[in-house]
Amino acid sequence: AKKSVASLQTGSKRLTKAIKMVKSPKTGAYTFVESIMTPEAVN
């Protein structure tokens, strides 16, 4: 997994964009899953 460095700020909320590499069970190929959340929920 990889955590992005940039944190997003919208008004009074701090948000972080996290990127995770996930391996497909069928093909074995890796895909990237992105999500924007609070910094506390990233781990």
PDB file of all heavy atoms in Angstrom:
ATOM      1  N   ALA A   1       0.839  -1.186   0.000  1.00  0.00           N
ATOM      2  CA  ALA A   1       0.000   0.000   0.000  1.00  0.00           C
ATOM      3  C   ALA A   1       0.878   1.240   0.000  1.00  0.00           C
ATOM      4  O   ALA A   1       2.009   1.219   0.464  1.00  0.00           O
ATOM      5  CB  ALA A   1      -0.908   0.000   1.212  1.00  0.00           C
ATOM      6  N   LYS A   2       0.308   2.309  -0.503  1.00  0.00           N
ATOM      7  CA  LYS A   2       1.049   3.562  -0.584  1.00  0.00           C
ATOM      8  C   LYS A   2       0.130   4.674  -0.125  1.00  0.00           C
ATOM      9  O   LYS A   2      -1.033   4.710  -0.500  1.00  0.00           O
ATOM     10  CB  LYS A   2       1.489   3.738  -2.026  1.00  0.00           C
ATOM     11  CG  LYS A   2       1.876   5.113  -2.444  1.00  0.00           C
ATOM     12  CD  LYS A   2       2.388   5.074  -3.857  1.00  0.00           C
ATOM     13  CE  LYS A   2       1.559   5.909  -4.751  1.00  0.00           C
ATOM     14  NZ  LYS A   2       2.101   6.052  -6.070  1.00  0.00           N
ATOM     15  N   LYS A   3       0.630   5.556   0.714  1.00  0.00           N
ATOM     16  CA  LYS A   3      -0.161   6.682   1.189  1.00  0.00           C
ATOM     17  C   LYS A   3       0.320   7.932   0.473  1.00  0.00           C
ATOM     18  O   LYS A   3       1.510   8.190   0.410  1.00  0.00           O
ATOM     19  CB  LYS A   3       0.017   6.844   2.693  1.00  0.00           C
ATOM     20  CG  LYS A   3      -0.995   7.778   3.315  1.00  0.00           C
ATOM     21  CD  LYS A   3      -0.714   8.103   4.753  1.00  0.00           C
ATOM     22  CE  LYS A   3      -0.482   6.953   5.647  1.00  0.00           C
ATOM     23  NZ  LYS A   3      -0.311   7.331   7.047  1.00  0.00           N
ATOM     24  N   SER A   4      -0.598   8.695  -0.090  1.00  0.00           N
ATOM     25  CA  SER A   4      -0.186   9.895  -0.816  1.00  0.00           C
ATOM     26  C   SER A   4       0.244  10.977   0.164  1.00  0.00           C
ATOM     27  O   SER A   4      -0.179  11.012   1.308  1.00  0.00           O
ATOM     28  CB  SER A   4      -1.325  10.393  -1.695  1.00  0.00           C
ATOM     29  OG  SER A   4      -2.352  10.917  -0.892  1.00  0.00           O
ATOM     30  N   VAL A   5       1.081  11.874  -0.301  1.00  0.00           N
ATOM     31  CA  VAL A   5       1.652  12.911   0.539  1.00  0.00           C
ATOM     32  C   VAL A   5       0.699  14.089   0.691  1.00  0.00           C
ATOM     33  O   VAL A   5       0.601  14.679   1.746  1.00  0.00           O
ATOM     34  CB  VAL A   5       2.992  13.392  -0.061  1.00  0.00           C
ATOM     35  CG1 VAL A   5       3.563  14.518   0.753  1.00  0.00           C
ATOM     36  CG2 VAL A   5       3.964  12.238  -0.146  1.00  0.00           C
ATOM     37  N   ALA A   6      -0.042  14.381  -0.348  1.00  0.00           N
ATOM     38  CA  ALA A   6      -0.888  15.578  -0.333  1.00  0.00           C
ATOM     39  C   ALA A   6      -2.116  15.361   0.547  1.00  0.00           C
ATOM     40  O   ALA A   6      -2.749  14.323   0.505  1.00  0.00           O
ATOM     41  CB  ALA A   6      -1.327  15.909  -1.746  1.00  0.00           C
ATOM     42  N   SER A   7      -2.433  16.349   1.339  1.00  0.00           N
ATOM     43  CA  SER A   7      -3.688  16.310   2.079  1.00  0.00           C
ATOM     44  C   SER A   7      -4.581  17.419   1.536  1.00  0.00           C
ATOM     45  O   SER A   7      -4.114  18.484   1.158  1.00  0.00           O
ATOM     46  CB  SER A   7      -3.466  16.455   3.579  1.00  0.00           C
ATOM     47  OG  SER A   7      -2.679  17.573   3.844  1.00  0.00           O
ATOM     48  N   LEU A   8      -5.843  17.124   1.462  1.00  0.00           N
ATOM     49  CA  LEU A   8      -6.810  18.042   0.878  1.00  0.00           C
ATOM     50  C   LEU A   8      -7.509  18.814   1.985  1.00  0.00           C
ATOM     51  O   LEU A   8      -7.883  18.230   2.997  1.00  0.00           O
ATOM     52  CB  LEU A   8      -7.839  17.253   0.074  1.00  0.00           C
ATOM     53  CG  LEU A   8      -7.246  16.263  -0.941  1.00  0.00           C
ATOM     54  CD1 LEU A   8      -8.343  15.358  -1.459  1.00  0.00           C
ATOM     55  CD2 LEU A   8      -6.594  17.000  -2.068  1.00  0.00           C
ATOM     56  N   GLN A   9      -7.682  20.101   1.806  1.00  0.00           N
ATOM     57  CA  GLN A   9      -8.365  20.904   2.800  1.00  0.00           C
ATOM     58  C   GLN A   9      -9.570  21.575   2.157  1.00  0.00           C
ATOM     59  O   GLN A   9      -9.425  22.280   1.167  1.00  0.00           O
ATOM     60  CB  GLN A   9      -7.431  21.944   3.386  1.00  0.00           C
ATOM     61  CG  GLN A   9      -6.300  21.335   4.181  1.00  0.00           C
ATOM     62  CD  GLN A   9      -5.414  22.399   4.791  1.00  0.00           C
ATOM     63  OE1 GLN A   9      -5.631  23.584   4.592  1.00  0.00           O
ATOM     64  NE2 GLN A   9      -4.429  21.971   5.539  1.00  0.00           N
ATOM     65  N   THR A  10     -10.737  21.315   2.717  1.00  0.00           N
ATOM     66  CA  THR A  10     -11.957  21.949   2.225  1.00  0.00           C
ATOM     67  C   THR A  10     -12.638  22.609   3.420  1.00  0.00           C
ATOM     68  O   THR A  10     -13.177  21.928   4.283  1.00  0.00           O
ATOM     69  CB  THR A  10     -12.914  20.922   1.587  1.00  0.00           C
ATOM     70  OG1 THR A  10     -13.205  19.920   2.562  1.00  0.00           O
ATOM     71  CG2 THR A  10     -12.297  20.269   0.378  1.00  0.00           C
ATOM     72  N   GLY A  11     -12.586  23.893   3.471  1.00  0.00           N
ATOM     73  CA  GLY A  11     -13.204  24.615   4.577  1.00  0.00           C
ATOM     74  C   GLY A  11     -12.510  24.282   5.889  1.00  0.00           C
ATOM     75  O   GLY A  11     -11.318  24.470   6.040  1.00  0.00           O
ATOM     76  N   SER A  12     -13.266  23.735   6.837  1.00  0.00           N
ATOM     77  CA  SER A  12     -12.691  23.402   8.140  1.00  0.00           C
ATOM     78  C   SER A  12     -12.322  21.930   8.239  1.00  0.00           C
ATOM     79  O   SER A  12     -11.776  21.509   9.244  1.00  0.00           O
ATOM     80  CB  SER A  12     -13.696  23.748   9.240  1.00  0.00           C
ATOM     81  OG  SER A  12     -14.861  22.968   9.064  1.00  0.00           O
ATOM     82  N   LYS A  13     -12.617  21.118   7.219  1.00  0.00           N
ATOM     83  CA  LYS A  13     -12.302  19.694   7.263  1.00  0.00           C
ATOM     84  C   LYS A  13     -10.961  19.416   6.603  1.00  0.00           C
ATOM     85  O   LYS A  13     -10.643  19.973   5.568  1.00  0.00           O
ATOM     86  CB  LYS A  13     -13.363  18.881   6.527  1.00  0.00           C
ATOM     87  CG  LYS A  13     -14.649  18.724   7.262  1.00  0.00           C
ATOM     88  CD  LYS A  13     -15.511  17.726   6.527  1.00  0.00           C
ATOM     89  CE  LYS A  13     -16.757  17.409   7.309  1.00  0.00           C
ATOM     90  NZ  LYS A  13     -17.550  16.406   6.645  1.00  0.00           N
ATOM     91  N   ARG A  14     -10.171  18.522   7.211  1.00  0.00           N
ATOM     92  CA  ARG A  14      -8.934  18.043   6.602  1.00  0.00           C
ATOM     93  C   ARG A  14      -9.211  16.668   6.026  1.00  0.00           C
ATOM     94  O   ARG A  14      -9.708  15.801   6.723  1.00  0.00           O
ATOM     95  CB  ARG A  14      -7.815  17.949   7.643  1.00  0.00           C
ATOM     96  CG  ARG A  14      -7.254  19.298   8.017  1.00  0.00           C
ATOM     97  CD  ARG A  14      -5.975  19.166   8.833  1.00  0.00           C
ATOM     98  NE  ARG A  14      -4.981  18.383   8.123  1.00  0.00           N
ATOM     99  CZ  ARG A  14      -4.310  17.353   8.656  1.00  0.00           C
ATOM    100  NH1 ARG A  14      -4.556  16.980   9.877  1.00  0.00           N
ATOM    101  NH2 ARG A  14      -3.413  16.705   7.956  1.00  0.00           N
ATOM    102  N   LEU A  15      -8.873  16.467   4.784  1.00  0.00           N
ATOM    103  CA  LEU A  15      -9.080  15.185   4.127  1.00  0.00           C
ATOM    104  C   LEU A  15      -7.772  14.706   3.524  1.00  0.00           C
ATOM    105  O   LEU A  15      -6.930  15.498   3.135  1.00  0.00           O
ATOM    106  CB  LEU A  15     -10.139  15.314   3.023  1.00  0.00           C
ATOM    107  CG  LEU A  15     -11.524  15.740   3.477  1.00  0.00           C
ATOM    108  CD1 LEU A  15     -12.418  15.967   2.271  1.00  0.00           C
ATOM    109  CD2 LEU A  15     -12.141  14.715   4.394  1.00  0.00           C
ATOM    110  N   THR A  16      -7.623  13.394   3.443  1.00  0.00           N
ATOM    111  CA  THR A  16      -6.421  12.794   2.873  1.00  0.00           C
ATOM    112  C   THR A  16      -6.828  11.821   1.788  1.00  0.00           C
ATOM    113  O   THR A  16      -7.811  11.095   1.937  1.00  0.00           O
ATOM    114  CB  THR A  16      -5.628  12.045   3.959  1.00  0.00           C
ATOM    115  OG1 THR A  16      -5.310  12.961   4.991  1.00  0.00           O
ATOM    116  CG2 THR A  16      -4.352  11.456   3.410  1.00  0.00           C
ATOM    117  N   LYS A  17      -6.070  11.808   0.701  1.00  0.00           N
ATOM    118  CA  LYS A  17      -6.314  10.871  -0.384  1.00  0.00           C
ATOM    119  C   LYS A  17      -5.349   9.712  -0.232  1.00  0.00           C
ATOM    120  O   LYS A  17      -4.140   9.901  -0.249  1.00  0.00           O
ATOM    121  CB  LYS A  17      -6.103  11.556  -1.729  1.00  0.00           C
ATOM    122  CG  LYS A  17      -6.358  10.666  -2.917  1.00  0.00           C
ATOM    123  CD  LYS A  17      -6.177  11.451  -4.194  1.00  0.00           C
ATOM    124  CE  LYS A  17      -6.470  10.618  -5.413  1.00  0.00           C
ATOM    125  NZ  LYS A  17      -6.276  11.377  -6.635  1.00  0.00           N
ATOM    126  N   ALA A  18      -5.886   8.502  -0.058  1.00  0.00           N
ATOM    127  CA  ALA A  18      -5.059   7.312   0.118  1.00  0.00           C
ATOM    128  C   ALA A  18      -5.190   6.427  -1.115  1.00  0.00           C
ATOM    129  O   ALA A  18      -6.271   6.298  -1.690  1.00  0.00           O
ATOM    130  CB  ALA A  18      -5.491   6.547   1.357  1.00  0.00           C
ATOM    131  N   ILE A  19      -4.075   5.815  -1.510  1.00  0.00           N
ATOM    132  CA  ILE A  19      -4.037   4.957  -2.689  1.00  0.00           C
ATOM    133  C   ILE A  19      -3.512   3.588  -2.262  1.00  0.00           C
ATOM    134  O   ILE A  19      -2.473   3.502  -1.614  1.00  0.00           O
ATOM    135  CB  ILE A  19      -3.131   5.555  -3.783  1.00  0.00           C
ATOM    136  CG1 ILE A  19      -3.612   6.952  -4.139  1.00  0.00           C
ATOM    137  CG2 ILE A  19      -3.091   4.656  -4.997  1.00  0.00           C
ATOM    138  CD1 ILE A  19      -2.652   7.726  -4.992  1.00  0.00           C
ATOM    139  N   LYS A  20      -4.254   2.538  -2.624  1.00  0.00           N
ATOM    140  CA  LYS A  20      -3.870   1.190  -2.250  1.00  0.00           C
ATOM    141  C   LYS A  20      -3.760   0.327  -3.497  1.00  0.00           C
ATOM    142  O   LYS A  20      -4.575   0.429  -4.401  1.00  0.00           O
ATOM    143  CB  LYS A  20      -4.930   0.621  -1.297  1.00  0.00           C
ATOM    144  CG  LYS A  20      -4.650  -0.773  -0.824  1.00  0.00           C
ATOM    145  CD  LYS A  20      -5.545  -1.278   0.312  1.00  0.00           C
ATOM    146  CE  LYS A  20      -6.967  -0.896   0.284  1.00  0.00           C
ATOM    147  NZ  LYS A  20      -7.756  -1.564   1.331  1.00  0.00           N
ATOM    148  N   MET A  21      -2.742  -0.528  -3.542  1.00  0.00           N
ATOM    149  CA  MET A  21      -2.557  -1.446  -4.659  1.00  0.00           C
ATOM    150  C   MET A  21      -3.189  -2.788  -4.278  1.00  0.00           C
ATOM    151  O   MET A  21      -2.851  -3.359  -3.242  1.00  0.00           O
ATOM    152  CB  MET A  21      -1.068  -1.625  -4.931  1.00  0.00           C
ATOM    153  CG  MET A  21      -0.742  -1.926  -6.342  1.00  0.00           C
ATOM    154  SD  MET A  21       0.991  -1.691  -6.746  1.00  0.00           S
ATOM    155  CE  MET A  21       1.756  -3.008  -5.883  1.00  0.00           C
ATOM    156  N   VAL A  22      -4.117  -3.286  -5.116  1.00  0.00           N
ATOM    157  CA  VAL A  22      -4.847  -4.509  -4.818  1.00  0.00           C
ATOM    158  C   VAL A  22      -4.618  -5.501  -5.947  1.00  0.00           C
ATOM    159  O   VAL A  22      -4.736  -5.156  -7.123  1.00  0.00           O
ATOM    160  CB  VAL A  22      -6.364  -4.217  -4.672  1.00  0.00           C
ATOM    161  CG1 VAL A  22      -7.130  -5.480  -4.386  1.00  0.00           C
ATOM    162  CG2 VAL A  22      -6.601  -3.183  -3.597  1.00  0.00           C
ATOM    163  N   LYS A  23      -4.311  -6.747  -5.579  1.00  0.00           N
ATOM    164  CA  LYS A  23      -4.069  -7.796  -6.573  1.00  0.00           C
ATOM    165  C   LYS A  23      -5.377  -8.530  -6.852  1.00  0.00           C
ATOM    166  O   LYS A  23      -6.072  -8.956  -5.943  1.00  0.00           O
ATOM    167  CB  LYS A  23      -3.025  -8.780  -6.067  1.00  0.00           C
ATOM    168  CG  LYS A  23      -2.606  -9.799  -7.092  1.00  0.00           C
ATOM    169  CD  LYS A  23      -1.461 -10.649  -6.582  1.00  0.00           C
ATOM    170  CE  LYS A  23      -0.996 -11.587  -7.658  1.00  0.00           C
ATOM    171  NZ  LYS A  23       0.152 -12.377  -7.217  1.00  0.00           N
ATOM    172  N   SER A  24      -5.707  -8.679  -8.135  1.00  0.00           N
ATOM    173  CA  SER A  24      -6.916  -9.375  -8.547  1.00  0.00           C
ATOM    174  C   SER A  24      -6.729 -10.881  -8.371  1.00  0.00           C
ATOM    175  O   SER A  24      -5.735 -11.442  -8.826  1.00  0.00           O
ATOM    176  CB  SER A  24      -7.225  -9.064 -10.011  1.00  0.00           C
ATOM    177  OG  SER A  24      -8.271  -9.882 -10.478  1.00  0.00           O
ATOM    178  N   PRO A  25      -7.693 -11.565  -7.720  1.00  0.00           N
ATOM    179  CA  PRO A  25      -7.549 -13.010  -7.538  1.00  0.00           C
ATOM    180  C   PRO A  25      -7.687 -13.798  -8.845  1.00  0.00           C
ATOM    181  O   PRO A  25      -7.115 -14.873  -8.978  1.00  0.00           O
ATOM    182  CB  PRO A  25      -8.664 -13.371  -6.559  1.00  0.00           C
ATOM    183  CG  PRO A  25      -9.625 -12.250  -6.617  1.00  0.00           C
ATOM    184  CD  PRO A  25      -8.871 -11.038  -7.070  1.00  0.00           C
ATOM    185  N   LYS A  26      -8.429 -13.266  -9.807  1.00  0.00           N
ATOM    186  CA  LYS A  26      -8.646 -13.975 -11.076  1.00  0.00           C
ATOM    187  C   LYS A  26      -7.439 -13.878 -12.003  1.00  0.00           C
ATOM    188  O   LYS A  26      -6.926 -14.889 -12.470  1.00  0.00           O
ATOM    189  CB  LYS A  26      -9.869 -13.426 -11.798  1.00  0.00           C
ATOM    190  CG  LYS A  26     -11.179 -13.852 -11.210  1.00  0.00           C
ATOM    191  CD  LYS A  26     -12.313 -13.370 -12.082  1.00  0.00           C
ATOM    192  CE  LYS A  26     -13.643 -13.858 -11.558  1.00  0.00           C
ATOM    193  NZ  LYS A  26     -14.746 -13.412 -12.390  1.00  0.00           N
ATOM    194  N   THR A  27      -6.999 -12.653 -12.292  1.00  0.00           N
ATOM    195  CA  THR A  27      -5.958 -12.462 -13.294  1.00  0.00           C
ATOM    196  C   THR A  27      -4.567 -12.296 -12.700  1.00  0.00           C
ATOM    197  O   THR A  27      -3.580 -12.472 -13.399  1.00  0.00           O
ATOM    198  CB  THR A  27      -6.262 -11.218 -14.150  1.00  0.00           C
ATOM    199  OG1 THR A  27      -6.248 -10.068 -13.294  1.00  0.00           O
ATOM    200  CG2 THR A  27      -7.601 -11.335 -14.836  1.00  0.00           C
ATOM    201  N   GLY A  28      -4.473 -11.920 -11.434  1.00  0.00           N
ATOM    202  CA  GLY A  28      -3.180 -11.680 -10.819  1.00  0.00           C
ATOM    203  C   GLY A  28      -2.629 -10.294 -11.107  1.00  0.00           C
ATOM    204  O   GLY A  28      -1.531  -9.961 -10.683  1.00  0.00           O
ATOM    205  N   ALA A  29      -3.395  -9.480 -11.838  1.00  0.00           N
ATOM    206  CA  ALA A  29      -2.958  -8.120 -12.153  1.00  0.00           C
ATOM    207  C   ALA A  29      -3.235  -7.200 -10.959  1.00  0.00           C
ATOM    208  O   ALA A  29      -4.136  -7.437 -10.164  1.00  0.00           O
ATOM    209  CB  ALA A  29      -3.703  -7.610 -13.376  1.00  0.00           C
ATOM    210  N   TYR A  30      -2.429  -6.163 -10.833  1.00  0.00           N
ATOM    211  CA  TYR A  30      -2.606  -5.187  -9.763  1.00  0.00           C
ATOM    212  C   TYR A  30      -3.421  -4.003 -10.251  1.00  0.00           C
ATOM    213  O   TYR A  30      -3.245  -3.533 -11.376  1.00  0.00           O
ATOM    214  CB  TYR A  30      -1.247  -4.694  -9.257  1.00  0.00           C
ATOM    215  CG  TYR A  30      -0.529  -5.718  -8.410  1.00  0.00           C
ATOM    216  CD1 TYR A  30       0.416  -6.559  -8.966  1.00  0.00           C
ATOM    217  CD2 TYR A  30      -0.815  -5.827  -7.059  1.00  0.00           C
ATOM    218  CE1 TYR A  30       1.074  -7.492  -8.191  1.00  0.00           C
ATOM    219  CE2 TYR A  30      -0.161  -6.760  -6.273  1.00  0.00           C
ATOM    220  CZ  TYR A  30       0.777  -7.587  -6.842  1.00  0.00           C
ATOM    221  OH  TYR A  30       1.424  -8.505  -6.067  1.00  0.00           O
ATOM    222  N   THR A  31      -4.317  -3.519  -9.405  1.00  0.00           N
ATOM    223  CA  THR A  31      -5.093  -2.316  -9.688  1.00  0.00           C
ATOM    224  C   THR A  31      -4.923  -1.363  -8.506  1.00  0.00           C
ATOM    225  O   THR A  31      -4.573  -1.782  -7.404  1.00  0.00           O
ATOM    226  CB  THR A  31      -6.590  -2.626  -9.881  1.00  0.00           C
ATOM    227  OG1 THR A  31      -7.088  -3.241  -8.695  1.00  0.00           O
ATOM    228  CG2 THR A  31      -6.811  -3.541 -11.060  1.00  0.00           C
ATOM    229  N   PHE A  32      -5.180  -0.098  -8.749  1.00  0.00           N
ATOM    230  CA  PHE A  32      -5.071   0.907  -7.707  1.00  0.00           C
ATOM    231  C   PHE A  32      -6.467   1.347  -7.286  1.00  0.00           C
ATOM    232  O   PHE A  32      -7.311   1.641  -8.115  1.00  0.00           O
ATOM    233  CB  PHE A  32      -4.275   2.117  -8.201  1.00  0.00           C
ATOM    234  CG  PHE A  32      -2.830   1.795  -8.431  1.00  0.00           C
ATOM    235  CD1 PHE A  32      -2.374   1.481  -9.693  1.00  0.00           C
ATOM    236  CD2 PHE A  32      -1.934   1.811  -7.383  1.00  0.00           C
ATOM    237  CE1 PHE A  32      -1.049   1.184  -9.913  1.00  0.00           C
ATOM    238  CE2 PHE A  32      -0.600   1.518  -7.583  1.00  0.00           C
ATOM    239  CZ  PHE A  32      -0.159   1.202  -8.853  1.00  0.00           C
ATOM    240  N   VAL A  33      -6.690   1.384  -5.964  1.00  0.00           N
ATOM    241  CA  VAL A  33      -7.957   1.819  -5.390  1.00  0.00           C
ATOM    242  C   VAL A  33      -7.679   3.112  -4.639  1.00  0.00           C
ATOM    243  O   VAL A  33      -6.795   3.157  -3.784  1.00  0.00           O
ATOM    244  CB  VAL A  33      -8.527   0.749  -4.439  1.00  0.00           C
ATOM    245  CG1 VAL A  33      -9.825   1.219  -3.828  1.00  0.00           C
ATOM    246  CG2 VAL A  33      -8.725  -0.560  -5.172  1.00  0.00           C
ATOM    247  N   GLU A  34      -8.420   4.159  -4.972  1.00  0.00           N
ATOM    248  CA  GLU A  34      -8.226   5.460  -4.334  1.00  0.00           C
ATOM    249  C   GLU A  34      -9.431   5.800  -3.475  1.00  0.00           C
ATOM    250  O   GLU A  34     -10.556   5.447  -3.810  1.00  0.00           O
ATOM    251  CB  GLU A  34      -8.055   6.549  -5.389  1.00  0.00           C
ATOM    252  CG  GLU A  34      -6.850   6.367  -6.269  1.00  0.00           C
ATOM    253  CD  GLU A  34      -6.711   7.468  -7.297  1.00  0.00           C
ATOM    254  OE1 GLU A  34      -7.478   8.453  -7.232  1.00  0.00           O
ATOM    255  OE2 GLU A  34      -5.839   7.345  -8.166  1.00  0.00           O
ATOM    256  N   SER A  35      -9.184   6.496  -2.372  1.00  0.00           N
ATOM    257  CA  SER A  35     -10.263   6.925  -1.502  1.00  0.00           C
ATOM    258  C   SER A  35      -9.848   8.221  -0.805  1.00  0.00           C
ATOM    259  O   SER A  35      -8.677   8.403  -0.478  1.00  0.00           O
ATOM    260  CB  SER A  35     -10.554   5.840  -0.473  1.00  0.00           C
ATOM    261  OG  SER A  35     -11.611   6.233   0.359  1.00  0.00           O
ATOM    262  N   ILE A  36     -10.816   9.085  -0.568  1.00  0.00           N
ATOM    263  CA  ILE A  36     -10.578  10.336   0.152  1.00  0.00           C
ATOM    264  C   ILE A  36     -11.285  10.229   1.495  1.00  0.00           C
ATOM    265  O   ILE A  36     -12.481   9.940   1.545  1.00  0.00           O
ATOM    266  CB  ILE A  36     -11.097  11.541  -0.652  1.00  0.00           C
ATOM    267  CG1 ILE A  36     -10.315  11.653  -1.961  1.00  0.00           C
ATOM    268  CG2 ILE A  36     -10.973  12.823   0.163  1.00  0.00           C
ATOM    269  CD1 ILE A  36     -10.805  12.740  -2.872  1.00  0.00           C
ATOM    270  N   MET A  37     -10.530  10.422   2.579  1.00  0.00           N
ATOM    271  CA  MET A  37     -11.073  10.237   3.924  1.00  0.00           C
ATOM    272  C   MET A  37     -10.339  11.118   4.922  1.00  0.00           C
ATOM    273  O   MET A  37      -9.394  11.810   4.550  1.00  0.00           O
ATOM    274  CB  MET A  37     -10.944   8.773   4.327  1.00  0.00           C
ATOM    275  CG  MET A  37      -9.510   8.319   4.430  1.00  0.00           C
ATOM    276  SD  MET A  37      -9.305   6.577   4.496  1.00  0.00           S
ATOM    277  CE  MET A  37      -9.491   6.173   2.783  1.00  0.00           C
ATOM    278  N   THR A  38     -10.762  11.046   6.179  1.00  0.00           N
ATOM    279  CA  THR A  38     -10.078  11.797   7.224  1.00  0.00           C
ATOM    280  C   THR A  38      -8.740  11.124   7.533  1.00  0.00           C
ATOM    281  O   THR A  38      -8.601   9.909   7.341  1.00  0.00           O
ATOM    282  CB  THR A  38     -10.923  11.854   8.511  1.00  0.00           C
ATOM    283  OG1 THR A  38     -11.126  10.523   8.970  1.00  0.00           O
ATOM    284  CG2 THR A  38     -12.254  12.545   8.275  1.00  0.00           C
ATOM    285  N   PRO A  39      -7.749  11.876   7.995  1.00  0.00           N
ATOM    286  CA  PRO A  39      -6.437  11.288   8.276  1.00  0.00           C
ATOM    287  C   PRO A  39      -6.473  10.167   9.320  1.00  0.00           C
ATOM    288  O   PRO A  39      -5.661   9.265   9.285  1.00  0.00           O
ATOM    289  CB  PRO A  39      -5.612  12.468   8.788  1.00  0.00           C
ATOM    290  CG  PRO A  39      -6.280  13.672   8.245  1.00  0.00           C
ATOM    291  CD  PRO A  39      -7.738  13.335   8.153  1.00  0.00           C
ATOM    292  N   GLU A  40      -7.425  10.204  10.252  1.00  0.00           N
ATOM    293  CA  GLU A  40      -7.519   9.185  11.293  1.00  0.00           C
ATOM    294  C   GLU A  40      -7.946   7.830  10.733  1.00  0.00           C
ATOM    295  O   GLU A  40      -7.613   6.788  11.278  1.00  0.00           O
ATOM    296  CB  GLU A  40      -8.511   9.607  12.378  1.00  0.00           C
ATOM    297  CG  GLU A  40      -8.089  10.821  13.169  1.00  0.00           C
ATOM    298  CD  GLU A  40      -8.404  12.133  12.460  1.00  0.00           C
ATOM    299  OE1 GLU A  40      -9.317  12.168  11.615  1.00  0.00           O
ATOM    300  OE2 GLU A  40      -7.708  13.125  12.740  1.00  0.00           O
ATOM    301  N   ALA A  41      -8.685   7.813   9.629  1.00  0.00           N
ATOM    302  CA  ALA A  41      -9.222   6.570   9.077  1.00  0.00           C
ATOM    303  C   ALA A  41      -8.296   5.902   8.070  1.00  0.00           C
ATOM    304  O   ALA A  41      -8.575   4.791   7.624  1.00  0.00           O
ATOM    305  CB  ALA A  41     -10.573   6.858   8.424  1.00  0.00           C
ATOM    306  N   VAL A  42      -7.187   6.535   7.724  1.00  0.00           N
ATOM    307  CA  VAL A  42      -6.315   6.014   6.664  1.00  0.00           C
ATOM    308  C   VAL A  42      -5.693   4.678   7.054  1.00  0.00           C
ATOM    309  O   VAL A  42      -5.717   3.728   6.280  1.00  0.00           O
ATOM    310  CB  VAL A  42      -5.217   7.046   6.309  1.00  0.00           C
ATOM    311  CG1 VAL A  42      -4.198   6.443   5.371  1.00  0.00           C
ATOM    312  CG2 VAL A  42      -5.849   8.269   5.674  1.00  0.00           C
ATOM    313  N   ASN A  43      -5.135   4.558   8.257  1.00  0.00           N
ATOM    314  CA  ASN A  43      -4.469   3.327   8.651  1.00  0.00           C
ATOM    315  C   ASN A  43      -5.429   2.153   8.709  1.00  0.00           C
ATOM    316  O   ASN A  43      -5.079   1.030   8.331  1.00  0.00           O
ATOM    317  CB  ASN A  43      -3.758   3.492   9.999  1.00  0.00           C
ATOM    318  CG  ASN A  43      -2.530   4.366   9.867  1.00  0.00           C
ATOM    319  OD1 ASN A  43      -1.910   4.412   8.816  1.00  0.00           O
ATOM    320  ND2 ASN A  43      -2.182   5.062  10.919  1.00  0.00           N
TER     321      ASN A  43
END
